[in-house]
Amino acid sequence: RLSAFRATLARYPGLVAENSEVPLTDAALMDNAL
């Protein structure tokens, strides 16, 4: 799913594409990432 996300956005160079990995139980890390 991440690979397809990146491949799709690669066709739109003006847009920002980011990804982040967060464990389900780490609420603080989730808050910080968002």
PDB file of all heavy atoms in Angstrom:
ATOM      1  N   ARG A   1       0.831  -1.202   0.000  1.00  0.00           N
ATOM      2  CA  ARG A   1       0.000   0.000   0.000  1.00  0.00           C
ATOM      3  C   ARG A   1       0.871   1.260   0.000  1.00  0.00           C
ATOM      4  O   ARG A   1       0.573   2.224  -0.711  1.00  0.00           O
ATOM      5  CB  ARG A   1      -0.947  -0.016   1.206  1.00  0.00           C
ATOM      6  CG  ARG A   1      -1.999  -1.107   1.099  1.00  0.00           C
ATOM      7  CD  ARG A   1      -2.803  -1.325   2.386  1.00  0.00           C
ATOM      8  NE  ARG A   1      -3.588  -2.543   2.282  1.00  0.00           N
ATOM      9  CZ  ARG A   1      -4.379  -3.028   3.234  1.00  0.00           C
ATOM     10  NH1 ARG A   1      -4.483  -2.380   4.393  1.00  0.00           N
ATOM     11  NH2 ARG A   1      -5.057  -4.148   3.040  1.00  0.00           N
ATOM     12  N   LEU A   2       1.941   1.228   0.766  1.00  0.00           N
ATOM     13  CA  LEU A   2       2.857   2.369   0.781  1.00  0.00           C
ATOM     14  C   LEU A   2       3.534   2.542  -0.572  1.00  0.00           C
ATOM     15  O   LEU A   2       3.668   3.672  -1.074  1.00  0.00           O
ATOM     16  CB  LEU A   2       3.913   2.184   1.875  1.00  0.00           C
ATOM     17  CG  LEU A   2       5.018   3.242   1.933  1.00  0.00           C
ATOM     18  CD1 LEU A   2       4.431   4.644   2.131  1.00  0.00           C
ATOM     19  CD2 LEU A   2       6.017   2.912   3.041  1.00  0.00           C
ATOM     20  N   SER A   3       3.937   1.450  -1.184  1.00  0.00           N
ATOM     21  CA  SER A   3       4.596   1.517  -2.490  1.00  0.00           C
ATOM     22  C   SER A   3       3.674   2.115  -3.542  1.00  0.00           C
ATOM     23  O   SER A   3       4.099   2.956  -4.357  1.00  0.00           O
ATOM     24  CB  SER A   3       5.044   0.113  -2.912  1.00  0.00           C
ATOM     25  OG  SER A   3       5.661   0.148  -4.178  1.00  0.00           O
ATOM     26  N   ALA A   4       2.405   1.715  -3.540  1.00  0.00           N
ATOM     27  CA  ALA A   4       1.450   2.257  -4.509  1.00  0.00           C
ATOM     28  C   ALA A   4       1.180   3.734  -4.242  1.00  0.00           C
ATOM     29  O   ALA A   4       1.016   4.533  -5.186  1.00  0.00           O
ATOM     30  CB  ALA A   4       0.148   1.462  -4.456  1.00  0.00           C
ATOM     31  N   PHE A   5       1.130   4.109  -2.979  1.00  0.00           N
ATOM     32  CA  PHE A   5       0.969   5.519  -2.589  1.00  0.00           C
ATOM     33  C   PHE A   5       2.111   6.363  -3.159  1.00  0.00           C
ATOM     34  O   PHE A   5       1.893   7.409  -3.790  1.00  0.00           O
ATOM     35  CB  PHE A   5       0.933   5.607  -1.065  1.00  0.00           C
ATOM     36  CG  PHE A   5       1.081   6.986  -0.490  1.00  0.00           C
ATOM     37  CD1 PHE A   5       0.016   7.870  -0.455  1.00  0.00           C
ATOM     38  CD2 PHE A   5       2.297   7.401   0.050  1.00  0.00           C
ATOM     39  CE1 PHE A   5       0.150   9.143   0.089  1.00  0.00           C
ATOM     40  CE2 PHE A   5       2.448   8.660   0.602  1.00  0.00           C
ATOM     41  CZ  PHE A   5       1.375   9.540   0.618  1.00  0.00           C
ATOM     42  N   ARG A   6       3.342   5.894  -2.957  1.00  0.00           N
ATOM     43  CA  ARG A   6       4.503   6.633  -3.465  1.00  0.00           C
ATOM     44  C   ARG A   6       4.514   6.687  -4.987  1.00  0.00           C
ATOM     45  O   ARG A   6       4.806   7.729  -5.583  1.00  0.00           O
ATOM     46  CB  ARG A   6       5.784   5.970  -2.959  1.00  0.00           C
ATOM     47  CG  ARG A   6       6.055   6.186  -1.478  1.00  0.00           C
ATOM     48  CD  ARG A   6       7.230   5.337  -1.031  1.00  0.00           C
ATOM     49  NE  ARG A   6       7.669   5.642   0.327  1.00  0.00           N
ATOM     50  CZ  ARG A   6       8.479   4.861   1.024  1.00  0.00           C
ATOM     51  NH1 ARG A   6       8.927   3.718   0.502  1.00  0.00           N
ATOM     52  NH2 ARG A   6       8.844   5.210   2.259  1.00  0.00           N
ATOM     53  N   ALA A   7       4.211   5.563  -5.623  1.00  0.00           N
ATOM     54  CA  ALA A   7       4.231   5.510  -7.086  1.00  0.00           C
ATOM     55  C   ALA A   7       3.198   6.454  -7.694  1.00  0.00           C
ATOM     56  O   ALA A   7       3.447   7.107  -8.724  1.00  0.00           O
ATOM     57  CB  ALA A   7       3.975   4.081  -7.560  1.00  0.00           C
ATOM     58  N   THR A   8       2.041   6.548  -7.063  1.00  0.00           N
ATOM     59  CA  THR A   8       0.990   7.437  -7.564  1.00  0.00           C
ATOM     60  C   THR A   8       1.417   8.893  -7.440  1.00  0.00           C
ATOM     61  O   THR A   8       1.304   9.679  -8.390  1.00  0.00           O
ATOM     62  CB  THR A   8      -0.322   7.212  -6.797  1.00  0.00           C
ATOM     63  OG1 THR A   8      -0.712   5.835  -6.915  1.00  0.00           O
ATOM     64  CG2 THR A   8      -1.437   8.095  -7.351  1.00  0.00           C
ATOM     65  N   LEU A   9       1.938   9.262  -6.287  1.00  0.00           N
ATOM     66  CA  LEU A   9       2.330  10.652  -6.069  1.00  0.00           C
ATOM     67  C   LEU A   9       3.574  11.036  -6.868  1.00  0.00           C
ATOM     68  O   LEU A   9       3.813  12.220  -7.123  1.00  0.00           O
ATOM     69  CB  LEU A   9       2.558  10.902  -4.584  1.00  0.00           C
ATOM     70  CG  LEU A   9       1.251  11.127  -3.807  1.00  0.00           C
ATOM     71  CD1 LEU A   9       1.472  11.057  -2.318  1.00  0.00           C
ATOM     72  CD2 LEU A   9       0.608  12.451  -4.184  1.00  0.00           C
ATOM     73  N   ALA A  10       4.352  10.046  -7.281  1.00  0.00           N
ATOM     74  CA  ALA A  10       5.527  10.337  -8.111  1.00  0.00           C
ATOM     75  C   ALA A  10       5.122  10.941  -9.459  1.00  0.00           C
ATOM     76  O   ALA A  10       5.922  11.627 -10.103  1.00  0.00           O
ATOM     77  CB  ALA A  10       6.345   9.065  -8.324  1.00  0.00           C
ATOM     78  N   ARG A  11       3.879  10.713  -9.846  1.00  0.00           N
ATOM     79  CA  ARG A  11       3.384  11.285 -11.111  1.00  0.00           C
ATOM     80  C   ARG A  11       2.927  12.729 -10.941  1.00  0.00           C
ATOM     81  O   ARG A  11       2.555  13.385 -11.914  1.00  0.00           O
ATOM     82  CB  ARG A  11       2.220  10.427 -11.645  1.00  0.00           C
ATOM     83  CG  ARG A  11       2.590   8.968 -11.886  1.00  0.00           C
ATOM     84  CD  ARG A  11       1.566   8.274 -12.770  1.00  0.00           C
ATOM     85  NE  ARG A  11       0.226   8.272 -12.205  1.00  0.00           N
ATOM     86  CZ  ARG A  11      -0.255   7.299 -11.439  1.00  0.00           C
ATOM     87  NH1 ARG A  11       0.510   6.247 -11.136  1.00  0.00           N
ATOM     88  NH2 ARG A  11      -1.485   7.348 -10.976  1.00  0.00           N
ATOM     89  N   TYR A  12       2.948  13.200  -9.695  1.00  0.00           N
ATOM     90  CA  TYR A  12       2.519  14.578  -9.408  1.00  0.00           C
ATOM     91  C   TYR A  12       3.631  15.275  -8.614  1.00  0.00           C
ATOM     92  O   TYR A  12       3.535  15.424  -7.393  1.00  0.00           O
ATOM     93  CB  TYR A  12       1.213  14.574  -8.611  1.00  0.00           C
ATOM     94  CG  TYR A  12       0.067  13.882  -9.309  1.00  0.00           C
ATOM     95  CD1 TYR A  12      -0.129  12.503  -9.183  1.00  0.00           C
ATOM     96  CD2 TYR A  12      -0.823  14.610 -10.109  1.00  0.00           C
ATOM     97  CE1 TYR A  12      -1.170  11.868  -9.832  1.00  0.00           C
ATOM     98  CE2 TYR A  12      -1.870  13.969 -10.760  1.00  0.00           C
ATOM     99  CZ  TYR A  12      -2.043  12.600 -10.611  1.00  0.00           C
ATOM    100  OH  TYR A  12      -3.076  11.975 -11.247  1.00  0.00           O
ATOM    101  N   PRO A  13       4.691  15.705  -9.291  1.00  0.00           N
ATOM    102  CA  PRO A  13       5.872  16.245  -8.593  1.00  0.00           C
ATOM    103  C   PRO A  13       5.606  17.485  -7.742  1.00  0.00           C
ATOM    104  O   PRO A  13       6.392  17.800  -6.854  1.00  0.00           O
ATOM    105  CB  PRO A  13       6.840  16.564  -9.745  1.00  0.00           C
ATOM    106  CG  PRO A  13       5.983  16.645 -10.962  1.00  0.00           C
ATOM    107  CD  PRO A  13       4.859  15.698 -10.755  1.00  0.00           C
ATOM    108  N   GLY A  14       4.495  18.168  -7.955  1.00  0.00           N
ATOM    109  CA  GLY A  14       4.216  19.364  -7.165  1.00  0.00           C
ATOM    110  C   GLY A  14       3.584  19.080  -5.821  1.00  0.00           C
ATOM    111  O   GLY A  14       3.438  19.994  -4.995  1.00  0.00           O
ATOM    112  N   LEU A  15       3.228  17.823  -5.578  1.00  0.00           N
ATOM    113  CA  LEU A  15       2.550  17.469  -4.332  1.00  0.00           C
ATOM    114  C   LEU A  15       3.522  16.876  -3.314  1.00  0.00           C
ATOM    115  O   LEU A  15       4.563  16.321  -3.678  1.00  0.00           O
ATOM    116  CB  LEU A  15       1.418  16.471  -4.606  1.00  0.00           C
ATOM    117  CG  LEU A  15       0.334  16.929  -5.601  1.00  0.00           C
ATOM    118  CD1 LEU A  15      -0.751  15.871  -5.711  1.00  0.00           C
ATOM    119  CD2 LEU A  15      -0.248  18.267  -5.181  1.00  0.00           C
ATOM    120  N   VAL A  16       3.175  16.987  -2.045  1.00  0.00           N
ATOM    121  CA  VAL A  16       4.011  16.480  -0.959  1.00  0.00           C
ATOM    122  C   VAL A  16       3.558  15.064  -0.589  1.00  0.00           C
ATOM    123  O   VAL A  16       2.368  14.836  -0.348  1.00  0.00           O
ATOM    124  CB  VAL A  16       3.928  17.389   0.278  1.00  0.00           C
ATOM    125  CG1 VAL A  16       4.704  16.774   1.450  1.00  0.00           C
ATOM    126  CG2 VAL A  16       4.448  18.779  -0.050  1.00  0.00           C
ATOM    127  N   ALA A  17       4.512  14.131  -0.531  1.00  0.00           N
ATOM    128  CA  ALA A  17       4.218  12.752  -0.131  1.00  0.00           C
ATOM    129  C   ALA A  17       5.091  12.383   1.057  1.00  0.00           C
ATOM    130  O   ALA A  17       6.320  12.397   0.957  1.00  0.00           O
ATOM    131  CB  ALA A  17       4.473  11.804  -1.291  1.00  0.00           C
ATOM    132  N   GLU A  18       4.464  12.046   2.180  1.00  0.00           N
ATOM    133  CA  GLU A  18       5.210  11.642   3.368  1.00  0.00           C
ATOM    134  C   GLU A  18       4.615  10.346   3.915  1.00  0.00           C
ATOM    135  O   GLU A  18       3.457  10.019   3.631  1.00  0.00           O
ATOM    136  CB  GLU A  18       5.146  12.726   4.455  1.00  0.00           C
ATOM    137  CG  GLU A  18       5.801  14.039   4.059  1.00  0.00           C
ATOM    138  CD  GLU A  18       5.794  15.045   5.202  1.00  0.00           C
ATOM    139  OE1 GLU A  18       5.379  14.664   6.327  1.00  0.00           O
ATOM    140  OE2 GLU A  18       6.196  16.197   4.983  1.00  0.00           O
ATOM    141  N   ASN A  19       5.424   9.633   4.678  1.00  0.00           N
ATOM    142  CA  ASN A  19       4.886   8.463   5.376  1.00  0.00           C
ATOM    143  C   ASN A  19       5.508   8.365   6.754  1.00  0.00           C
ATOM    144  O   ASN A  19       6.626   8.842   6.994  1.00  0.00           O
ATOM    145  CB  ASN A  19       5.139   7.178   4.600  1.00  0.00           C
ATOM    146  CG  ASN A  19       6.592   6.785   4.531  1.00  0.00           C
ATOM    147  OD1 ASN A  19       7.346   7.331   3.715  1.00  0.00           O
ATOM    148  ND2 ASN A  19       6.991   5.846   5.365  1.00  0.00           N
ATOM    149  N   SER A  20       4.760   7.778   7.674  1.00  0.00           N
ATOM    150  CA  SER A  20       5.215   7.631   9.049  1.00  0.00           C
ATOM    151  C   SER A  20       4.717   6.301   9.601  1.00  0.00           C
ATOM    152  O   SER A  20       3.630   5.835   9.229  1.00  0.00           O
ATOM    153  CB  SER A  20       4.687   8.782   9.907  1.00  0.00           C
ATOM    154  OG  SER A  20       5.195   8.707  11.219  1.00  0.00           O
ATOM    155  N   GLU A  21       5.532   5.669  10.461  1.00  0.00           N
ATOM    156  CA  GLU A  21       5.167   4.395  11.081  1.00  0.00           C
ATOM    157  C   GLU A  21       4.947   4.616  12.577  1.00  0.00           C
ATOM    158  O   GLU A  21       5.828   5.121  13.271  1.00  0.00           O
ATOM    159  CB  GLU A  21       6.277   3.371  10.868  1.00  0.00           C
ATOM    160  CG  GLU A  21       6.584   3.105   9.398  1.00  0.00           C
ATOM    161  CD  GLU A  21       7.795   2.207   9.209  1.00  0.00           C
ATOM    162  OE1 GLU A  21       7.999   1.301  10.059  1.00  0.00           O
ATOM    163  OE2 GLU A  21       8.540   2.412   8.234  1.00  0.00           O
ATOM    164  N   VAL A  22       3.764   4.232  13.056  1.00  0.00           N
ATOM    165  CA  VAL A  22       3.413   4.463  14.457  1.00  0.00           C
ATOM    166  C   VAL A  22       2.742   3.213  15.036  1.00  0.00           C
ATOM    167  O   VAL A  22       1.745   2.738  14.486  1.00  0.00           O
ATOM    168  CB  VAL A  22       2.450   5.664  14.599  1.00  0.00           C
ATOM    169  CG1 VAL A  22       2.108   5.895  16.064  1.00  0.00           C
ATOM    170  CG2 VAL A  22       3.040   6.918  13.986  1.00  0.00           C
ATOM    171  N   PRO A  23       3.255   2.669  16.133  1.00  0.00           N
ATOM    172  CA  PRO A  23       2.577   1.537  16.781  1.00  0.00           C
ATOM    173  C   PRO A  23       1.184   1.951  17.258  1.00  0.00           C
ATOM    174  O   PRO A  23       0.970   3.092  17.685  1.00  0.00           O
ATOM    175  CB  PRO A  23       3.491   1.206  17.974  1.00  0.00           C
ATOM    176  CG  PRO A  23       4.820   1.786  17.611  1.00  0.00           C
ATOM    177  CD  PRO A  23       4.519   3.019  16.811  1.00  0.00           C
ATOM    178  N   LEU A  24       0.248   1.013  17.227  1.00  0.00           N
ATOM    179  CA  LEU A  24      -1.131   1.305  17.626  1.00  0.00           C
ATOM    180  C   LEU A  24      -1.225   1.856  19.045  1.00  0.00           C
ATOM    181  O   LEU A  24      -2.074   2.697  19.329  1.00  0.00           O
ATOM    182  CB  LEU A  24      -1.975   0.027  17.544  1.00  0.00           C
ATOM    183  CG  LEU A  24      -2.642  -0.324  16.216  1.00  0.00           C
ATOM    184  CD1 LEU A  24      -3.419  -1.607  16.363  1.00  0.00           C
ATOM    185  CD2 LEU A  24      -3.550   0.803  15.748  1.00  0.00           C
ATOM    186  N   THR A  25      -0.374   1.390  19.920  1.00  0.00           N
ATOM    187  CA  THR A  25      -0.502   1.733  21.341  1.00  0.00           C
ATOM    188  C   THR A  25       0.271   2.988  21.743  1.00  0.00           C
ATOM    189  O   THR A  25       0.212   3.391  22.909  1.00  0.00           O
ATOM    190  CB  THR A  25      -0.007   0.555  22.206  1.00  0.00           C
ATOM    191  OG1 THR A  25       1.349   0.239  21.827  1.00  0.00           O
ATOM    192  CG2 THR A  25      -0.881  -0.670  21.993  1.00  0.00           C
ATOM    193  N   ASP A  26       0.982   3.620  20.814  1.00  0.00           N
ATOM    194  CA  ASP A  26       1.806   4.783  21.163  1.00  0.00           C
ATOM    195  C   ASP A  26       1.056   6.071  20.826  1.00  0.00           C
ATOM    196  O   ASP A  26       1.260   6.686  19.781  1.00  0.00           O
ATOM    197  CB  ASP A  26       3.141   4.731  20.418  1.00  0.00           C
ATOM    198  CG  ASP A  26       4.187   5.657  21.040  1.00  0.00           C
ATOM    199  OD1 ASP A  26       3.789   6.689  21.615  1.00  0.00           O
ATOM    200  OD2 ASP A  26       5.384   5.341  20.940  1.00  0.00           O
ATOM    201  N   ALA A  27       0.179   6.491  21.725  1.00  0.00           N
ATOM    202  CA  ALA A  27      -0.661   7.670  21.485  1.00  0.00           C
ATOM    203  C   ALA A  27       0.177   8.943  21.369  1.00  0.00           C
ATOM    204  O   ALA A  27      -0.109   9.813  20.533  1.00  0.00           O
ATOM    205  CB  ALA A  27      -1.685   7.817  22.605  1.00  0.00           C
ATOM    206  N   ALA A  28       1.226   9.064  22.175  1.00  0.00           N
ATOM    207  CA  ALA A  28       2.054  10.269  22.150  1.00  0.00           C
ATOM    208  C   ALA A  28       2.762  10.414  20.811  1.00  0.00           C
ATOM    209  O   ALA A  28       2.829  11.521  20.230  1.00  0.00           O
ATOM    210  CB  ALA A  28       3.076  10.230  23.287  1.00  0.00           C
ATOM    211  N   LEU A  29       3.288   9.309  20.294  1.00  0.00           N
ATOM    212  CA  LEU A  29       3.972   9.351  19.001  1.00  0.00           C
ATOM    213  C   LEU A  29       2.983   9.673  17.879  1.00  0.00           C
ATOM    214  O   LEU A  29       3.296  10.426  16.952  1.00  0.00           O
ATOM    215  CB  LEU A  29       4.656   8.013  18.735  1.00  0.00           C
ATOM    216  CG  LEU A  29       5.520   7.926  17.466  1.00  0.00           C
ATOM    217  CD1 LEU A  29       6.631   8.964  17.501  1.00  0.00           C
ATOM    218  CD2 LEU A  29       6.100   6.519  17.313  1.00  0.00           C
ATOM    219  N   MET A  30       1.785   9.121  17.978  1.00  0.00           N
ATOM    220  CA  MET A  30       0.749   9.418  16.992  1.00  0.00           C
ATOM    221  C   MET A  30       0.403  10.903  17.004  1.00  0.00           C
ATOM    222  O   MET A  30       0.344  11.556  15.945  1.00  0.00           O
ATOM    223  CB  MET A  30      -0.504   8.583  17.294  1.00  0.00           C
ATOM    224  CG  MET A  30      -1.692   8.886  16.393  1.00  0.00           C
ATOM    225  SD  MET A  30      -1.573   8.075  14.809  1.00  0.00           S
ATOM    226  CE  MET A  30      -1.925   6.385  15.285  1.00  0.00           C
ATOM    227  N   ASP A  31       0.167  11.454  18.186  1.00  0.00           N
ATOM    228  CA  ASP A  31      -0.156  12.877  18.303  1.00  0.00           C
ATOM    229  C   ASP A  31       0.947  13.738  17.695  1.00  0.00           C
ATOM    230  O   ASP A  31       0.676  14.695  16.961  1.00  0.00           O
ATOM    231  CB  ASP A  31      -0.342  13.263  19.773  1.00  0.00           C
ATOM    232  CG  ASP A  31      -1.585  12.627  20.390  1.00  0.00           C
ATOM    233  OD1 ASP A  31      -2.360  11.991  19.654  1.00  0.00           O
ATOM    234  OD2 ASP A  31      -1.765  12.775  21.616  1.00  0.00           O
ATOM    235  N   ASN A  32       2.185  13.388  17.995  1.00  0.00           N
ATOM    236  CA  ASN A  32       3.321  14.169  17.520  1.00  0.00           C
ATOM    237  C   ASN A  32       3.445  14.100  15.999  1.00  0.00           C
ATOM    238  O   ASN A  32       3.700  15.114  15.336  1.00  0.00           O
ATOM    239  CB  ASN A  32       4.613  13.661  18.176  1.00  0.00           C
ATOM    240  CG  ASN A  32       5.784  14.591  17.930  1.00  0.00           C
ATOM    241  OD1 ASN A  32       5.697  15.798  18.134  1.00  0.00           O
ATOM    242  ND2 ASN A  32       6.906  14.031  17.492  1.00  0.00           N
ATOM    243  N   ALA A  33       3.259  12.908  15.425  1.00  0.00           N
ATOM    244  CA  ALA A  33       3.371  12.745  13.978  1.00  0.00           C
ATOM    245  C   ALA A  33       2.314  13.581  13.251  1.00  0.00           C
ATOM    246  O   ALA A  33       2.611  14.261  12.260  1.00  0.00           O
ATOM    247  CB  ALA A  33       3.226  11.272  13.607  1.00  0.00           C
ATOM    248  N   LEU A  34       1.083  13.551  13.738  1.00  0.00           N
ATOM    249  CA  LEU A  34       0.011  14.302  13.095  1.00  0.00           C
ATOM    250  C   LEU A  34       0.168  15.808  13.319  1.00  0.00           C
ATOM    251  O   LEU A  34      -0.044  16.609  12.391  1.00  0.00           O
ATOM    252  CB  LEU A  34      -1.341  13.835  13.626  1.00  0.00           C
ATOM    253  CG  LEU A  34      -1.735  12.410  13.229  1.00  0.00           C
ATOM    254  CD1 LEU A  34      -2.988  11.966  13.978  1.00  0.00           C
ATOM    255  CD2 LEU A  34      -1.961  12.308  11.722  1.00  0.00           C
TER     256      LEU A  34
END
